N, C-alpha and C. Protein backbone atom coordinates (compact mmCIF):
# COMPACT_ATOMS: atom_id res chain seq x y z
N UNK A 1 -92.78 -42.85 -13.15
CA UNK A 1 -91.95 -41.82 -13.74
C UNK A 1 -92.87 -40.71 -14.25
N UNK A 2 -92.59 -39.51 -13.79
CA UNK A 2 -93.39 -38.37 -14.23
C UNK A 2 -92.88 -37.86 -15.57
N UNK A 3 -93.68 -37.00 -16.18
CA UNK A 3 -93.28 -36.40 -17.45
C UNK A 3 -91.99 -35.59 -17.28
N UNK A 4 -91.89 -34.85 -16.18
CA UNK A 4 -90.69 -34.05 -15.92
C UNK A 4 -89.46 -34.92 -15.72
N UNK A 5 -89.63 -36.03 -15.00
CA UNK A 5 -88.50 -36.95 -14.80
C UNK A 5 -88.01 -37.52 -16.13
N UNK A 6 -88.94 -37.89 -16.99
CA UNK A 6 -88.57 -38.42 -18.30
C UNK A 6 -87.85 -37.36 -19.13
N UNK A 7 -88.37 -36.14 -19.12
CA UNK A 7 -87.74 -35.07 -19.89
C UNK A 7 -86.34 -34.74 -19.34
N UNK A 8 -86.19 -34.78 -18.03
CA UNK A 8 -84.87 -34.56 -17.42
C UNK A 8 -83.89 -35.66 -17.83
N UNK A 9 -84.36 -36.89 -17.84
CA UNK A 9 -83.50 -38.02 -18.24
C UNK A 9 -83.08 -37.89 -19.70
N UNK A 10 -84.03 -37.52 -20.54
CA UNK A 10 -83.70 -37.33 -21.96
C UNK A 10 -82.65 -36.24 -22.13
N UNK A 11 -82.85 -35.13 -21.45
CA UNK A 11 -81.89 -34.02 -21.53
C UNK A 11 -80.51 -34.45 -21.04
N UNK A 12 -80.48 -35.27 -20.01
CA UNK A 12 -79.23 -35.78 -19.48
C UNK A 12 -78.50 -36.63 -20.52
N UNK A 13 -79.21 -37.56 -21.13
CA UNK A 13 -78.59 -38.42 -22.14
C UNK A 13 -78.08 -37.61 -23.33
N UNK A 14 -78.88 -36.66 -23.78
CA UNK A 14 -78.48 -35.84 -24.93
C UNK A 14 -77.31 -34.94 -24.55
N UNK A 15 -77.36 -34.36 -23.37
CA UNK A 15 -76.32 -33.43 -22.95
C UNK A 15 -74.98 -34.06 -22.67
N UNK A 16 -74.97 -35.30 -22.22
CA UNK A 16 -73.69 -35.92 -21.91
C UNK A 16 -73.02 -36.59 -23.10
N UNK A 17 -73.73 -36.73 -24.21
CA UNK A 17 -73.12 -37.35 -25.39
C UNK A 17 -71.86 -36.61 -25.85
N UNK A 18 -71.90 -35.30 -26.03
CA UNK A 18 -70.66 -34.62 -26.47
C UNK A 18 -69.50 -34.83 -25.50
N UNK A 19 -69.80 -34.88 -24.21
CA UNK A 19 -68.74 -35.10 -23.22
C UNK A 19 -68.11 -36.48 -23.39
N UNK A 20 -68.92 -37.46 -23.77
CA UNK A 20 -68.39 -38.82 -23.92
C UNK A 20 -67.49 -38.95 -25.15
N UNK A 21 -67.57 -37.98 -26.04
CA UNK A 21 -66.76 -38.04 -27.27
C UNK A 21 -65.54 -37.11 -27.22
N UNK A 22 -65.24 -36.58 -26.04
CA UNK A 22 -64.12 -35.64 -25.92
C UNK A 22 -62.75 -36.30 -25.87
N UNK A 23 -62.71 -37.57 -25.58
CA UNK A 23 -61.42 -38.26 -25.50
C UNK A 23 -61.30 -39.28 -26.64
N UNK A 24 -60.08 -39.68 -26.93
CA UNK A 24 -59.86 -40.71 -27.95
C UNK A 24 -60.57 -42.00 -27.56
N UNK A 25 -60.51 -42.33 -26.26
CA UNK A 25 -61.18 -43.54 -25.79
C UNK A 25 -62.68 -43.48 -25.98
N UNK A 26 -63.25 -42.31 -25.77
CA UNK A 26 -64.69 -42.14 -25.97
C UNK A 26 -65.08 -42.31 -27.42
N UNK A 27 -64.28 -41.76 -28.31
CA UNK A 27 -64.56 -41.89 -29.75
C UNK A 27 -64.44 -43.34 -30.18
N UNK A 28 -63.39 -44.01 -29.72
CA UNK A 28 -63.20 -45.43 -30.06
C UNK A 28 -64.36 -46.26 -29.54
N UNK A 29 -64.79 -45.99 -28.32
CA UNK A 29 -65.92 -46.71 -27.74
C UNK A 29 -67.19 -46.49 -28.56
N UNK A 30 -67.40 -45.26 -29.00
CA UNK A 30 -68.58 -44.94 -29.82
C UNK A 30 -68.54 -45.70 -31.14
N UNK A 31 -67.38 -45.75 -31.77
CA UNK A 31 -67.24 -46.47 -33.04
C UNK A 31 -67.47 -47.97 -32.84
N UNK A 32 -66.91 -48.51 -31.76
CA UNK A 32 -67.12 -49.93 -31.46
C UNK A 32 -68.60 -50.24 -31.25
N UNK A 33 -69.31 -49.37 -30.54
CA UNK A 33 -70.74 -49.58 -30.33
C UNK A 33 -71.52 -49.55 -31.64
N UNK A 34 -71.16 -48.63 -32.52
CA UNK A 34 -71.82 -48.56 -33.83
C UNK A 34 -71.68 -49.89 -34.56
N UNK A 35 -70.48 -50.43 -34.55
CA UNK A 35 -70.25 -51.69 -35.27
C UNK A 35 -70.82 -52.88 -34.51
N UNK A 36 -70.61 -52.93 -33.22
CA UNK A 36 -71.07 -54.07 -32.41
C UNK A 36 -72.58 -54.25 -32.48
N UNK A 37 -73.30 -53.14 -32.40
CA UNK A 37 -74.76 -53.21 -32.36
C UNK A 37 -75.42 -52.85 -33.69
N UNK A 38 -74.59 -52.71 -34.73
CA UNK A 38 -75.08 -52.42 -36.08
C UNK A 38 -76.05 -51.23 -36.07
N UNK A 39 -75.58 -50.13 -35.50
CA UNK A 39 -76.41 -48.94 -35.33
C UNK A 39 -76.47 -48.06 -36.58
N UNK A 40 -75.52 -48.23 -37.47
CA UNK A 40 -75.45 -47.39 -38.66
C UNK A 40 -74.51 -46.23 -38.43
N UNK A 41 -73.79 -45.85 -39.46
CA UNK A 41 -72.79 -44.79 -39.33
C UNK A 41 -73.41 -43.42 -39.02
N UNK A 42 -74.70 -43.28 -39.23
CA UNK A 42 -75.37 -42.01 -38.93
C UNK A 42 -76.02 -42.01 -37.54
N UNK A 43 -75.71 -43.02 -36.73
CA UNK A 43 -76.37 -43.16 -35.42
C UNK A 43 -76.26 -41.91 -34.57
N UNK A 44 -75.07 -41.35 -34.48
CA UNK A 44 -74.91 -40.18 -33.61
C UNK A 44 -75.52 -38.92 -34.21
N UNK A 45 -75.81 -38.93 -35.48
CA UNK A 45 -76.56 -37.82 -36.07
C UNK A 45 -78.05 -37.95 -35.74
N UNK A 46 -78.50 -39.20 -35.56
CA UNK A 46 -79.91 -39.48 -35.24
C UNK A 46 -80.17 -39.55 -33.75
N UNK A 47 -79.11 -39.58 -32.96
CA UNK A 47 -79.19 -39.85 -31.53
C UNK A 47 -80.21 -38.96 -30.80
N UNK A 48 -80.11 -37.67 -30.99
CA UNK A 48 -81.00 -36.76 -30.27
C UNK A 48 -82.46 -37.04 -30.59
N UNK A 49 -82.79 -37.23 -31.85
CA UNK A 49 -84.19 -37.49 -32.20
C UNK A 49 -84.65 -38.85 -31.68
N UNK A 50 -83.74 -39.82 -31.64
CA UNK A 50 -84.09 -41.13 -31.08
C UNK A 50 -84.41 -41.01 -29.59
N UNK A 51 -83.58 -40.29 -28.87
CA UNK A 51 -83.81 -40.11 -27.43
C UNK A 51 -85.10 -39.33 -27.20
N UNK A 52 -85.29 -38.27 -27.94
CA UNK A 52 -86.50 -37.43 -27.76
C UNK A 52 -87.78 -38.19 -28.09
N UNK A 53 -87.69 -39.23 -28.91
CA UNK A 53 -88.89 -39.99 -29.31
C UNK A 53 -89.34 -41.00 -28.26
N UNK A 54 -88.54 -41.23 -27.23
CA UNK A 54 -88.90 -42.20 -26.19
C UNK A 54 -90.07 -41.66 -25.38
N UNK A 55 -91.08 -42.50 -25.20
CA UNK A 55 -92.27 -42.12 -24.44
C UNK A 55 -92.29 -42.89 -23.12
N UNK A 56 -93.07 -42.38 -22.19
CA UNK A 56 -93.20 -43.04 -20.89
C UNK A 56 -93.63 -44.50 -21.07
N UNK A 57 -94.53 -44.75 -21.98
CA UNK A 57 -95.01 -46.10 -22.23
C UNK A 57 -93.87 -47.02 -22.66
N UNK A 58 -92.92 -46.49 -23.42
CA UNK A 58 -91.76 -47.27 -23.85
C UNK A 58 -90.93 -47.70 -22.64
N UNK A 59 -90.73 -46.76 -21.72
CA UNK A 59 -89.94 -47.04 -20.52
C UNK A 59 -90.63 -48.10 -19.67
N UNK A 60 -91.93 -47.96 -19.49
CA UNK A 60 -92.70 -48.91 -18.69
C UNK A 60 -92.65 -50.30 -19.33
N UNK A 61 -92.80 -50.37 -20.64
CA UNK A 61 -92.77 -51.66 -21.34
C UNK A 61 -91.43 -52.37 -21.15
N UNK A 62 -90.35 -51.63 -21.29
CA UNK A 62 -89.03 -52.23 -21.14
C UNK A 62 -88.80 -52.66 -19.68
N UNK A 63 -89.24 -51.83 -18.74
CA UNK A 63 -89.10 -52.18 -17.33
C UNK A 63 -89.86 -53.46 -17.02
N UNK A 64 -91.06 -53.59 -17.53
CA UNK A 64 -91.85 -54.81 -17.30
C UNK A 64 -91.19 -56.03 -17.94
N UNK A 65 -90.53 -55.82 -19.05
CA UNK A 65 -89.87 -56.93 -19.75
C UNK A 65 -88.65 -57.44 -18.97
N UNK A 66 -87.86 -56.52 -18.41
CA UNK A 66 -86.59 -56.90 -17.81
C UNK A 66 -86.55 -56.92 -16.29
N UNK A 67 -87.54 -56.35 -15.62
CA UNK A 67 -87.53 -56.32 -14.16
C UNK A 67 -88.65 -57.19 -13.63
N UNK A 68 -88.27 -58.24 -12.90
CA UNK A 68 -89.23 -59.14 -12.28
C UNK A 68 -89.38 -58.72 -10.81
N UNK A 69 -90.52 -58.12 -10.45
CA UNK A 69 -90.69 -57.64 -9.08
C UNK A 69 -90.55 -58.74 -8.03
N UNK A 70 -90.82 -59.98 -8.41
CA UNK A 70 -90.70 -61.09 -7.47
C UNK A 70 -89.25 -61.47 -7.19
N UNK A 71 -88.34 -61.02 -8.02
CA UNK A 71 -86.93 -61.34 -7.83
C UNK A 71 -86.09 -60.10 -7.54
N UNK A 72 -86.74 -58.97 -7.42
CA UNK A 72 -86.05 -57.71 -7.21
C UNK A 72 -85.61 -57.56 -5.76
N UNK A 73 -84.37 -57.18 -5.59
CA UNK A 73 -83.82 -56.91 -4.25
C UNK A 73 -83.29 -55.49 -4.26
N UNK A 74 -83.67 -54.73 -3.25
CA UNK A 74 -83.18 -53.36 -3.12
C UNK A 74 -82.35 -53.28 -1.84
N UNK A 75 -81.14 -52.82 -1.98
CA UNK A 75 -80.25 -52.66 -0.81
C UNK A 75 -79.94 -51.19 -0.63
N UNK A 76 -79.93 -50.76 0.60
CA UNK A 76 -79.57 -49.37 0.91
C UNK A 76 -78.51 -49.36 1.99
N UNK A 77 -77.76 -48.31 2.02
CA UNK A 77 -76.73 -48.16 3.05
C UNK A 77 -76.75 -46.71 3.53
N UNK A 78 -76.40 -46.52 4.74
CA UNK A 78 -76.32 -45.16 5.26
C UNK A 78 -77.31 -44.93 6.38
N UNK A 79 -77.30 -43.73 6.87
CA UNK A 79 -78.17 -43.42 8.01
C UNK A 79 -79.64 -43.40 7.64
């Protein structure tokens, strides 16, 4: 993952948050996530800074933790 790819991903996550809260269902889902994962009532106020604080090393560490290359299967379809 390049620096630009990471920055684009961060911008995507930050930019789509308001869209996810435009419907009643989106707001309810957000509230449920706050309670389910004990994020704190100020989570969405902190959201942008939390996303911006993610570093490439953080992404690599999580990928290594959850993705086992020996068990990974990639499927493609199309021409």
